[in-house]
mmCIF file of all heavy atoms, coordinates in Angstrom:
data_MODEL
# 
_entry.id   MODEL 
# 
loop_
_atom_site.group_PDB 
_atom_site.id 
_atom_site.type_symbol 
_atom_site.label_atom_id 
_atom_site.label_alt_id 
_atom_site.label_comp_id 
_atom_site.label_asym_id 
_atom_site.label_entity_id 
_atom_site.label_seq_id 
_atom_site.pdbx_PDB_ins_code 
_atom_site.Cartn_x 
_atom_site.Cartn_y 
_atom_site.Cartn_z 
_atom_site.occupancy 
_atom_site.B_iso_or_equiv 
_atom_site.pdbx_formal_charge 
_atom_site.auth_seq_id 
_atom_site.auth_comp_id 
_atom_site.auth_asym_id 
_atom_site.auth_atom_id 
_atom_site.pdbx_PDB_model_num 
ATOM 1   N N   . LEU A 1 1  ? 1.809  14.736  -2.170  1.00 0.00 ? 1  LEU A N   1 
ATOM 2   C CA  . LEU A 1 1  ? 0.450  15.340  -1.935  1.00 0.00 ? 1  LEU A CA  1 
ATOM 3   C C   . LEU A 1 1  ? -0.624 14.653  -2.789  1.00 0.00 ? 1  LEU A C   1 
ATOM 4   O O   . LEU A 1 1  ? -1.684 14.212  -2.227  1.00 0.00 ? 1  LEU A O   1 
ATOM 5   C CB  . LEU A 1 1  ? 0.467  16.850  -2.165  1.00 0.00 ? 1  LEU A CB  1 
ATOM 6   C CG  . LEU A 1 1  ? 1.189  17.639  -1.084  1.00 0.00 ? 1  LEU A CG  1 
ATOM 7   C CD1 . LEU A 1 1  ? 1.249  19.126  -1.435  1.00 0.00 ? 1  LEU A CD1 1 
ATOM 8   C CD2 . LEU A 1 1  ? 0.540  17.443  0.289   1.00 0.00 ? 1  LEU A CD2 1 
ATOM 9   N N   . PRO A 1 2  ? -0.503 14.549  -4.103  1.00 0.00 ? 2  PRO A N   1 
ATOM 10  C CA  . PRO A 1 2  ? -1.578 13.891  -4.884  1.00 0.00 ? 2  PRO A CA  1 
ATOM 11  C C   . PRO A 1 2  ? -1.743 12.392  -4.550  1.00 0.00 ? 2  PRO A C   1 
ATOM 12  O O   . PRO A 1 2  ? -2.771 11.826  -4.788  1.00 0.00 ? 2  PRO A O   1 
ATOM 13  C CB  . PRO A 1 2  ? -1.162 14.096  -6.323  1.00 0.00 ? 2  PRO A CB  1 
ATOM 14  C CG  . PRO A 1 2  ? 0.325  14.331  -6.293  1.00 0.00 ? 2  PRO A CG  1 
ATOM 15  C CD  . PRO A 1 2  ? 0.575  15.044  -4.988  1.00 0.00 ? 2  PRO A CD  1 
ATOM 16  N N   . ARG A 1 3  ? -0.663 11.761  -3.999  1.00 0.00 ? 3  ARG A N   1 
ATOM 17  C CA  . ARG A 1 3  ? -0.709 10.371  -3.687  1.00 0.00 ? 3  ARG A CA  1 
ATOM 18  C C   . ARG A 1 3  ? -1.241 10.049  -2.324  1.00 0.00 ? 3  ARG A C   1 
ATOM 19  O O   . ARG A 1 3  ? -1.627 8.927   -2.038  1.00 0.00 ? 3  ARG A O   1 
ATOM 20  C CB  . ARG A 1 3  ? 0.725  9.781   -3.849  1.00 0.00 ? 3  ARG A CB  1 
ATOM 21  C CG  . ARG A 1 3  ? 1.174  9.737   -5.286  1.00 0.00 ? 3  ARG A CG  1 
ATOM 22  C CD  . ARG A 1 3  ? 2.680  9.548   -5.386  1.00 0.00 ? 3  ARG A CD  1 
ATOM 23  N NE  . ARG A 1 3  ? 3.106  9.416   -6.792  1.00 0.00 ? 3  ARG A NE  1 
ATOM 24  C CZ  . ARG A 1 3  ? 3.261  10.403  -7.627  1.00 0.00 ? 3  ARG A CZ  1 
ATOM 25  N NH1 . ARG A 1 3  ? 3.019  11.626  -7.224  1.00 0.00 ? 3  ARG A NH1 1 
ATOM 26  N NH2 . ARG A 1 3  ? 3.589  10.159  -8.862  1.00 0.00 ? 3  ARG A NH2 1 
ATOM 27  N N   . LEU A 1 4  ? -1.309 11.072  -1.432  1.00 0.00 ? 4  LEU A N   1 
ATOM 28  C CA  . LEU A 1 4  ? -1.762 10.862  -0.078  1.00 0.00 ? 4  LEU A CA  1 
ATOM 29  C C   . LEU A 1 4  ? -3.074 11.636  0.261   1.00 0.00 ? 4  LEU A C   1 
ATOM 30  O O   . LEU A 1 4  ? -3.785 11.259  1.157   1.00 0.00 ? 4  LEU A O   1 
ATOM 31  C CB  . LEU A 1 4  ? -0.684 11.277  0.921   1.00 0.00 ? 4  LEU A CB  1 
ATOM 32  C CG  . LEU A 1 4  ? 0.648  10.488  0.837   1.00 0.00 ? 4  LEU A CG  1 
ATOM 33  C CD1 . LEU A 1 4  ? 1.623  11.037  1.853   1.00 0.00 ? 4  LEU A CD1 1 
ATOM 34  C CD2 . LEU A 1 4  ? 0.405  9.008   1.072   1.00 0.00 ? 4  LEU A CD2 1 
ATOM 35  N N   . LYS A 1 5  ? -3.351 12.670  -0.499  1.00 0.00 ? 5  LYS A N   1 
ATOM 36  C CA  . LYS A 1 5  ? -4.517 13.530  -0.217  1.00 0.00 ? 5  LYS A CA  1 
ATOM 37  C C   . LYS A 1 5  ? -5.695 13.279  -1.152  1.00 0.00 ? 5  LYS A C   1 
ATOM 38  O O   . LYS A 1 5  ? -6.691 14.005  -1.096  1.00 0.00 ? 5  LYS A O   1 
ATOM 39  C CB  . LYS A 1 5  ? -4.116 14.993  -0.258  1.00 0.00 ? 5  LYS A CB  1 
ATOM 40  C CG  . LYS A 1 5  ? -3.043 15.396  0.767   1.00 0.00 ? 5  LYS A CG  1 
ATOM 41  C CD  . LYS A 1 5  ? -3.516 15.176  2.196   1.00 0.00 ? 5  LYS A CD  1 
ATOM 42  C CE  . LYS A 1 5  ? -2.465 15.615  3.191   1.00 0.00 ? 5  LYS A CE  1 
ATOM 43  N NZ  . LYS A 1 5  ? -2.946 15.398  4.586   1.00 0.00 ? 5  LYS A NZ  1 
ATOM 44  N N   . THR A 1 6  ? -5.552 12.313  -2.024  1.00 0.00 ? 6  THR A N   1 
ATOM 45  C CA  . THR A 1 6  ? -6.657 11.970  -2.940  1.00 0.00 ? 6  THR A CA  1 
ATOM 46  C C   . THR A 1 6  ? -6.903 10.458  -2.840  1.00 0.00 ? 6  THR A C   1 
ATOM 47  O O   . THR A 1 6  ? -6.306 9.764   -2.050  1.00 0.00 ? 6  THR A O   1 
ATOM 48  C CB  . THR A 1 6  ? -6.317 12.351  -4.397  1.00 0.00 ? 6  THR A CB  1 
ATOM 49  O OG1 . THR A 1 6  ? -5.238 11.509  -4.835  1.00 0.00 ? 6  THR A OG1 1 
ATOM 50  C CG2 . THR A 1 6  ? -5.868 13.829  -4.471  1.00 0.00 ? 6  THR A CG2 1 
ATOM 51  N N   . SER A 1 7  ? -7.796 9.978   -3.728  1.00 0.00 ? 7  SER A N   1 
ATOM 52  C CA  . SER A 1 7  ? -8.090 8.560   -3.715  1.00 0.00 ? 7  SER A CA  1 
ATOM 53  C C   . SER A 1 7  ? -6.921 7.683   -4.134  1.00 0.00 ? 7  SER A C   1 
ATOM 54  O O   . SER A 1 7  ? -6.996 6.440   -4.020  1.00 0.00 ? 7  SER A O   1 
ATOM 55  C CB  . SER A 1 7  ? -9.319 8.266   -4.596  1.00 0.00 ? 7  SER A CB  1 
ATOM 56  O OG  . SER A 1 7  ? -9.119 8.762   -5.911  1.00 0.00 ? 7  SER A OG  1 
ATOM 57  N N   . TRP A 1 8  ? -5.851 8.310   -4.610  1.00 0.00 ? 8  TRP A N   1 
ATOM 58  C CA  . TRP A 1 8  ? -4.656 7.548   -4.918  1.00 0.00 ? 8  TRP A CA  1 
ATOM 59  C C   . TRP A 1 8  ? -4.024 6.938   -3.680  1.00 0.00 ? 8  TRP A C   1 
ATOM 60  O O   . TRP A 1 8  ? -3.238 6.007   -3.757  1.00 0.00 ? 8  TRP A O   1 
ATOM 61  C CB  . TRP A 1 8  ? -3.569 8.456   -5.598  1.00 0.00 ? 8  TRP A CB  1 
ATOM 62  C CG  . TRP A 1 8  ? -3.853 8.740   -7.046  1.00 0.00 ? 8  TRP A CG  1 
ATOM 63  C CD1 . TRP A 1 8  ? -4.239 9.934   -7.547  1.00 0.00 ? 8  TRP A CD1 1 
ATOM 64  C CD2 . TRP A 1 8  ? -3.764 7.841   -8.133  1.00 0.00 ? 8  TRP A CD2 1 
ATOM 65  N NE1 . TRP A 1 8  ? -4.403 9.848   -8.943  1.00 0.00 ? 8  TRP A NE1 1 
ATOM 66  C CE2 . TRP A 1 8  ? -4.096 8.550   -9.300  1.00 0.00 ? 8  TRP A CE2 1 
ATOM 67  C CE3 . TRP A 1 8  ? -3.378 6.515   -8.235  1.00 0.00 ? 8  TRP A CE3 1 
ATOM 68  C CZ2 . TRP A 1 8  ? -4.106 7.992   -10.564 1.00 0.00 ? 8  TRP A CZ2 1 
ATOM 69  C CZ3 . TRP A 1 8  ? -3.367 5.907   -9.525  1.00 0.00 ? 8  TRP A CZ3 1 
ATOM 70  C CH2 . TRP A 1 8  ? -3.747 6.653   -10.653 1.00 0.00 ? 8  TRP A CH2 1 
ATOM 71  N N   . SER A 1 9  ? -4.415 7.459   -2.502  1.00 0.00 ? 9  SER A N   1 
ATOM 72  C CA  . SER A 1 9  ? -3.911 6.889   -1.299  1.00 0.00 ? 9  SER A CA  1 
ATOM 73  C C   . SER A 1 9  ? -4.302 5.402   -1.097  1.00 0.00 ? 9  SER A C   1 
ATOM 74  O O   . SER A 1 9  ? -3.542 4.655   -0.421  1.00 0.00 ? 9  SER A O   1 
ATOM 75  C CB  . SER A 1 9  ? -4.430 7.695   -0.074  1.00 0.00 ? 9  SER A CB  1 
ATOM 76  O OG  . SER A 1 9  ? -5.805 7.656   0.002   1.00 0.00 ? 9  SER A OG  1 
ATOM 77  N N   . ALA A 1 10 ? -5.382 4.993   -1.701  1.00 0.00 ? 10 ALA A N   1 
ATOM 78  C CA  . ALA A 1 10 ? -5.809 3.572   -1.624  1.00 0.00 ? 10 ALA A CA  1 
ATOM 79  C C   . ALA A 1 10 ? -4.766 2.681   -2.296  1.00 0.00 ? 10 ALA A C   1 
ATOM 80  O O   . ALA A 1 10 ? -4.495 1.585   -1.841  1.00 0.00 ? 10 ALA A O   1 
ATOM 81  C CB  . ALA A 1 10 ? -7.169 3.390   -2.263  1.00 0.00 ? 10 ALA A CB  1 
ATOM 82  N N   . LEU A 1 11 ? -4.134 3.181   -3.356  1.00 0.00 ? 11 LEU A N   1 
ATOM 83  C CA  . LEU A 1 11 ? -3.096 2.414   -4.040  1.00 0.00 ? 11 LEU A CA  1 
ATOM 84  C C   . LEU A 1 11 ? -1.872 2.345   -3.128  1.00 0.00 ? 11 LEU A C   1 
ATOM 85  O O   . LEU A 1 11 ? -1.188 1.322   -3.097  1.00 0.00 ? 11 LEU A O   1 
ATOM 86  C CB  . LEU A 1 11 ? -2.755 3.085   -5.347  1.00 0.00 ? 11 LEU A CB  1 
ATOM 87  C CG  . LEU A 1 11 ? -2.338 2.148   -6.516  1.00 0.00 ? 11 LEU A CG  1 
ATOM 88  C CD1 . LEU A 1 11 ? -3.445 1.171   -6.793  1.00 0.00 ? 11 LEU A CD1 1 
ATOM 89  C CD2 . LEU A 1 11 ? -2.019 2.963   -7.746  1.00 0.00 ? 11 LEU A CD2 1 
ATOM 90  N N   . GLY A 1 12 ? -1.572 3.402   -2.403  1.00 0.00 ? 12 GLY A N   1 
ATOM 91  C CA  . GLY A 1 12 ? -0.466 3.349   -1.441  1.00 0.00 ? 12 GLY A CA  1 
ATOM 92  C C   . GLY A 1 12 ? -0.695 2.356   -0.339  1.00 0.00 ? 12 GLY A C   1 
ATOM 93  O O   . GLY A 1 12 ? 0.200  1.631   0.048   1.00 0.00 ? 12 GLY A O   1 
ATOM 94  N N   . VAL A 1 13 ? -1.922 2.281   0.115   1.00 0.00 ? 13 VAL A N   1 
ATOM 95  C CA  . VAL A 1 13 ? -2.268 1.302   1.163   1.00 0.00 ? 13 VAL A CA  1 
ATOM 96  C C   . VAL A 1 13 ? -2.142 -0.111  0.600   1.00 0.00 ? 13 VAL A C   1 
ATOM 97  O O   . VAL A 1 13 ? -1.636 -1.035  1.285   1.00 0.00 ? 13 VAL A O   1 
ATOM 98  C CB  . VAL A 1 13 ? -3.696 1.531   1.673   1.00 0.00 ? 13 VAL A CB  1 
ATOM 99  C CG1 . VAL A 1 13 ? -4.132 0.396   2.636   1.00 0.00 ? 13 VAL A CG1 1 
ATOM 100 C CG2 . VAL A 1 13 ? -3.785 2.866   2.422   1.00 0.00 ? 13 VAL A CG2 1 
ATOM 101 N N   . ALA A 1 14 ? -2.569 -0.304  -0.606  1.00 0.00 ? 14 ALA A N   1 
ATOM 102 C CA  . ALA A 1 14 ? -2.443 -1.626  -1.278  1.00 0.00 ? 14 ALA A CA  1 
ATOM 103 C C   . ALA A 1 14 ? -0.969 -2.034  -1.403  1.00 0.00 ? 14 ALA A C   1 
ATOM 104 O O   . ALA A 1 14 ? -0.679 -3.206  -1.184  1.00 0.00 ? 14 ALA A O   1 
ATOM 105 C CB  . ALA A 1 14 ? -3.101 -1.605  -2.633  1.00 0.00 ? 14 ALA A CB  1 
ATOM 106 N N   . LEU A 1 15 ? -0.112 -1.082  -1.672  1.00 0.00 ? 15 LEU A N   1 
ATOM 107 C CA  . LEU A 1 15 ? 1.316  -1.382  -1.743  1.00 0.00 ? 15 LEU A CA  1 
ATOM 108 C C   . LEU A 1 15 ? 1.861  -1.840  -0.382  1.00 0.00 ? 15 LEU A C   1 
ATOM 109 O O   . LEU A 1 15 ? 2.647  -2.771  -0.279  1.00 0.00 ? 15 LEU A O   1 
ATOM 110 C CB  . LEU A 1 15 ? 2.108  -0.191  -2.282  1.00 0.00 ? 15 LEU A CB  1 
ATOM 111 C CG  . LEU A 1 15 ? 1.980  0.064   -3.775  1.00 0.00 ? 15 LEU A CG  1 
ATOM 112 C CD1 . LEU A 1 15 ? 2.552  1.454   -4.113  1.00 0.00 ? 15 LEU A CD1 1 
ATOM 113 C CD2 . LEU A 1 15 ? 2.671  -0.995  -4.574  1.00 0.00 ? 15 LEU A CD2 1 
ATOM 114 N N   . VAL A 1 16 ? 1.424  -1.134  0.634   1.00 0.00 ? 16 VAL A N   1 
ATOM 115 C CA  . VAL A 1 16 ? 1.920  -1.489  2.001   1.00 0.00 ? 16 VAL A CA  1 
ATOM 116 C C   . VAL A 1 16 ? 1.438  -2.900  2.359   1.00 0.00 ? 16 VAL A C   1 
ATOM 117 O O   . VAL A 1 16 ? 2.210  -3.698  2.934   1.00 0.00 ? 16 VAL A O   1 
ATOM 118 C CB  . VAL A 1 16 ? 1.400  -0.482  3.018   1.00 0.00 ? 16 VAL A CB  1 
ATOM 119 C CG1 . VAL A 1 16 ? 1.708  -0.947  4.449   1.00 0.00 ? 16 VAL A CG1 1 
ATOM 120 C CG2 . VAL A 1 16 ? 2.065  0.887   2.773   1.00 0.00 ? 16 VAL A CG2 1 
ATOM 121 N N   . VAL A 1 17 ? 0.220  -3.204  2.014   1.00 0.00 ? 17 VAL A N   1 
ATOM 122 C CA  . VAL A 1 17 ? -0.360 -4.497  2.396   1.00 0.00 ? 17 VAL A CA  1 
ATOM 123 C C   . VAL A 1 17 ? 0.180  -5.658  1.530   1.00 0.00 ? 17 VAL A C   1 
ATOM 124 O O   . VAL A 1 17 ? 0.645  -6.686  2.049   1.00 0.00 ? 17 VAL A O   1 
ATOM 125 C CB  . VAL A 1 17 ? -1.877 -4.446  2.323   1.00 0.00 ? 17 VAL A CB  1 
ATOM 126 C CG1 . VAL A 1 17 ? -2.499 -5.859  2.584   1.00 0.00 ? 17 VAL A CG1 1 
ATOM 127 C CG2 . VAL A 1 17 ? -2.482 -3.460  3.335   1.00 0.00 ? 17 VAL A CG2 1 
ATOM 128 N N   . PHE A 1 18 ? 0.134  -5.456  0.212   1.00 0.00 ? 18 PHE A N   1 
ATOM 129 C CA  . PHE A 1 18 ? 0.405  -6.585  -0.681  1.00 0.00 ? 18 PHE A CA  1 
ATOM 130 C C   . PHE A 1 18 ? 1.852  -6.603  -1.217  1.00 0.00 ? 18 PHE A C   1 
ATOM 131 O O   . PHE A 1 18 ? 2.302  -7.584  -1.831  1.00 0.00 ? 18 PHE A O   1 
ATOM 132 C CB  . PHE A 1 18 ? -0.557 -6.581  -1.865  1.00 0.00 ? 18 PHE A CB  1 
ATOM 133 C CG  . PHE A 1 18 ? -2.016 -6.755  -1.403  1.00 0.00 ? 18 PHE A CG  1 
ATOM 134 C CD1 . PHE A 1 18 ? -2.897 -5.701  -1.510  1.00 0.00 ? 18 PHE A CD1 1 
ATOM 135 C CD2 . PHE A 1 18 ? -2.401 -7.978  -0.896  1.00 0.00 ? 18 PHE A CD2 1 
ATOM 136 C CE1 . PHE A 1 18 ? -4.200 -5.842  -1.095  1.00 0.00 ? 18 PHE A CE1 1 
ATOM 137 C CE2 . PHE A 1 18 ? -3.735 -8.146  -0.512  1.00 0.00 ? 18 PHE A CE2 1 
ATOM 138 C CZ  . PHE A 1 18 ? -4.617 -7.073  -0.600  1.00 0.00 ? 18 PHE A CZ  1 
ATOM 139 N N   . HIS A 1 19 ? 2.569  -5.498  -1.045  1.00 0.00 ? 19 HIS A N   1 
ATOM 140 C CA  . HIS A 1 19 ? 3.943  -5.472  -1.501  1.00 0.00 ? 19 HIS A CA  1 
ATOM 141 C C   . HIS A 1 19 ? 4.946  -5.630  -0.323  1.00 0.00 ? 19 HIS A C   1 
ATOM 142 O O   . HIS A 1 19 ? 6.126  -5.801  -0.522  1.00 0.00 ? 19 HIS A O   1 
ATOM 143 C CB  . HIS A 1 19 ? 4.233  -4.193  -2.282  1.00 0.00 ? 19 HIS A CB  1 
ATOM 144 C CG  . HIS A 1 19 ? 5.348  -4.315  -3.250  1.00 0.00 ? 19 HIS A CG  1 
ATOM 145 N ND1 . HIS A 1 19 ? 6.495  -3.537  -3.175  1.00 0.00 ? 19 HIS A ND1 1 
ATOM 146 C CD2 . HIS A 1 19 ? 5.555  -5.147  -4.320  1.00 0.00 ? 19 HIS A CD2 1 
ATOM 147 C CE1 . HIS A 1 19 ? 7.323  -3.856  -4.204  1.00 0.00 ? 19 HIS A CE1 1 
ATOM 148 N NE2 . HIS A 1 19 ? 6.787  -4.795  -4.895  1.00 0.00 ? 19 HIS A NE2 1 
ATOM 149 N N   . LEU A 1 20 ? 4.402  -5.516  0.861   1.00 0.00 ? 20 LEU A N   1 
ATOM 150 C CA  . LEU A 1 20 ? 5.211  -5.633  2.091   1.00 0.00 ? 20 LEU A CA  1 
ATOM 151 C C   . LEU A 1 20 ? 4.618  -6.615  3.111   1.00 0.00 ? 20 LEU A C   1 
ATOM 152 O O   . LEU A 1 20 ? 5.228  -7.684  3.346   1.00 0.00 ? 20 LEU A O   1 
ATOM 153 C CB  . LEU A 1 20 ? 5.389  -4.267  2.762   1.00 0.00 ? 20 LEU A CB  1 
ATOM 154 C CG  . LEU A 1 20 ? 6.006  -4.256  4.175   1.00 0.00 ? 20 LEU A CG  1 
ATOM 155 C CD1 . LEU A 1 20 ? 7.395  -4.886  4.149   1.00 0.00 ? 20 LEU A CD1 1 
ATOM 156 C CD2 . LEU A 1 20 ? 6.017  -2.886  4.755   1.00 0.00 ? 20 LEU A CD2 1 
ATOM 157 N N   . ALA A 1 21 ? 3.468  -6.308  3.627   1.00 0.00 ? 21 ALA A N   1 
ATOM 158 C CA  . ALA A 1 21 ? 2.940  -7.055  4.794   1.00 0.00 ? 21 ALA A CA  1 
ATOM 159 C C   . ALA A 1 21 ? 2.684  -8.529  4.442   1.00 0.00 ? 21 ALA A C   1 
ATOM 160 O O   . ALA A 1 21 ? 3.133  -9.451  5.141   1.00 0.00 ? 21 ALA A O   1 
ATOM 161 C CB  . ALA A 1 21 ? 1.681  -6.436  5.319   1.00 0.00 ? 21 ALA A CB  1 
ATOM 162 N N   . VAL A 1 22 ? 1.944  -8.792  3.383   1.00 0.00 ? 22 VAL A N   1 
ATOM 163 C CA  . VAL A 1 22 ? 1.600  -10.177 3.026   1.00 0.00 ? 22 VAL A CA  1 
ATOM 164 C C   . VAL A 1 22 ? 2.833  -10.988 2.603   1.00 0.00 ? 22 VAL A C   1 
ATOM 165 O O   . VAL A 1 22 ? 3.067  -12.085 3.159   1.00 0.00 ? 22 VAL A O   1 
ATOM 166 C CB  . VAL A 1 22 ? 0.522  -10.218 1.916   1.00 0.00 ? 22 VAL A CB  1 
ATOM 167 C CG1 . VAL A 1 22 ? 0.296  -11.644 1.420   1.00 0.00 ? 22 VAL A CG1 1 
ATOM 168 C CG2 . VAL A 1 22 ? -0.810 -9.626  2.442   1.00 0.00 ? 22 VAL A CG2 1 
ATOM 169 N N   . PRO A 1 23 ? 3.679  -10.493 1.688   1.00 0.00 ? 23 PRO A N   1 
ATOM 170 C CA  . PRO A 1 23 ? 4.901  -11.264 1.374   1.00 0.00 ? 23 PRO A CA  1 
ATOM 171 C C   . PRO A 1 23 ? 5.773  -11.492 2.573   1.00 0.00 ? 23 PRO A C   1 
ATOM 172 O O   . PRO A 1 23 ? 6.371  -12.555 2.779   1.00 0.00 ? 23 PRO A O   1 
ATOM 173 C CB  . PRO A 1 23 ? 5.583  -10.422 0.279   1.00 0.00 ? 23 PRO A CB  1 
ATOM 174 C CG  . PRO A 1 23 ? 4.499  -9.600  -0.308  1.00 0.00 ? 23 PRO A CG  1 
ATOM 175 C CD  . PRO A 1 23 ? 3.538  -9.307  0.817   1.00 0.00 ? 23 PRO A CD  1 
ATOM 176 N N   . PHE A 1 24 ? 5.909  -10.444 3.423   1.00 0.00 ? 24 PHE A N   1 
ATOM 177 C CA  . PHE A 1 24 ? 6.738  -10.546 4.607   1.00 0.00 ? 24 PHE A CA  1 
ATOM 178 C C   . PHE A 1 24 ? 6.214  -11.672 5.542   1.00 0.00 ? 24 PHE A C   1 
ATOM 179 O O   . PHE A 1 24 ? 7.017  -12.509 6.029   1.00 0.00 ? 24 PHE A O   1 
ATOM 180 C CB  . PHE A 1 24 ? 6.764  -9.239  5.347   1.00 0.00 ? 24 PHE A CB  1 
ATOM 181 C CG  . PHE A 1 24 ? 7.557  -9.273  6.611   1.00 0.00 ? 24 PHE A CG  1 
ATOM 182 C CD1 . PHE A 1 24 ? 8.934  -9.280  6.628   1.00 0.00 ? 24 PHE A CD1 1 
ATOM 183 C CD2 . PHE A 1 24 ? 6.887  -9.243  7.830   1.00 0.00 ? 24 PHE A CD2 1 
ATOM 184 C CE1 . PHE A 1 24 ? 9.663  -9.339  7.786   1.00 0.00 ? 24 PHE A CE1 1 
ATOM 185 C CE2 . PHE A 1 24 ? 7.621  -9.258  9.052   1.00 0.00 ? 24 PHE A CE2 1 
ATOM 186 C CZ  . PHE A 1 24 ? 8.998  -9.287  9.006   1.00 0.00 ? 24 PHE A CZ  1 
ATOM 187 N N   . ALA A 1 25 ? 4.927  -11.684 5.792   1.00 0.00 ? 25 ALA A N   1 
ATOM 188 C CA  . ALA A 1 25 ? 4.333  -12.682 6.650   1.00 0.00 ? 25 ALA A CA  1 
ATOM 189 C C   . ALA A 1 25 ? 4.518  -14.103 6.087   1.00 0.00 ? 25 ALA A C   1 
ATOM 190 O O   . ALA A 1 25 ? 4.840  -15.027 6.846   1.00 0.00 ? 25 ALA A O   1 
ATOM 191 C CB  . ALA A 1 25 ? 2.841  -12.349 6.873   1.00 0.00 ? 25 ALA A CB  1 
ATOM 192 N N   . VAL A 1 26 ? 4.297  -14.278 4.787   1.00 0.00 ? 26 VAL A N   1 
ATOM 193 C CA  . VAL A 1 26 ? 4.393  -15.591 4.188   1.00 0.00 ? 26 VAL A CA  1 
ATOM 194 C C   . VAL A 1 26 ? 5.874  -16.050 4.178   1.00 0.00 ? 26 VAL A C   1 
ATOM 195 O O   . VAL A 1 26 ? 6.160  -17.223 4.547   1.00 0.00 ? 26 VAL A O   1 
ATOM 196 C CB  . VAL A 1 26 ? 3.835  -15.596 2.772   1.00 0.00 ? 26 VAL A CB  1 
ATOM 197 C CG1 . VAL A 1 26 ? 4.124  -16.912 2.055   1.00 0.00 ? 26 VAL A CG1 1 
ATOM 198 C CG2 . VAL A 1 26 ? 2.328  -15.299 2.771   1.00 0.00 ? 26 VAL A CG2 1 
ATOM 199 N N   . LEU A 1 27 ? 6.783  -15.193 3.806   1.00 0.00 ? 27 LEU A N   1 
ATOM 200 C CA  . LEU A 1 27 ? 8.174  -15.598 3.688   1.00 0.00 ? 27 LEU A CA  1 
ATOM 201 C C   . LEU A 1 27 ? 8.852  -15.796 5.019   1.00 0.00 ? 27 LEU A C   1 
ATOM 202 O O   . LEU A 1 27 ? 9.931  -16.325 5.093   1.00 0.00 ? 27 LEU A O   1 
ATOM 203 C CB  . LEU A 1 27 ? 8.956  -14.551 2.877   1.00 0.00 ? 27 LEU A CB  1 
ATOM 204 C CG  . LEU A 1 27 ? 8.520  -14.419 1.376   1.00 0.00 ? 27 LEU A CG  1 
ATOM 205 C CD1 . LEU A 1 27 ? 9.236  -13.235 0.731   1.00 0.00 ? 27 LEU A CD1 1 
ATOM 206 C CD2 . LEU A 1 27 ? 8.852  -15.752 0.653   1.00 0.00 ? 27 LEU A CD2 1 
# 
């Protein structure tokens, strides 16, 4: 809840993009 219902959600989005999507696409 605090990670998805507050501005912490931006950090979650950053993890999806830069910890998964970008490395996956490059590799």
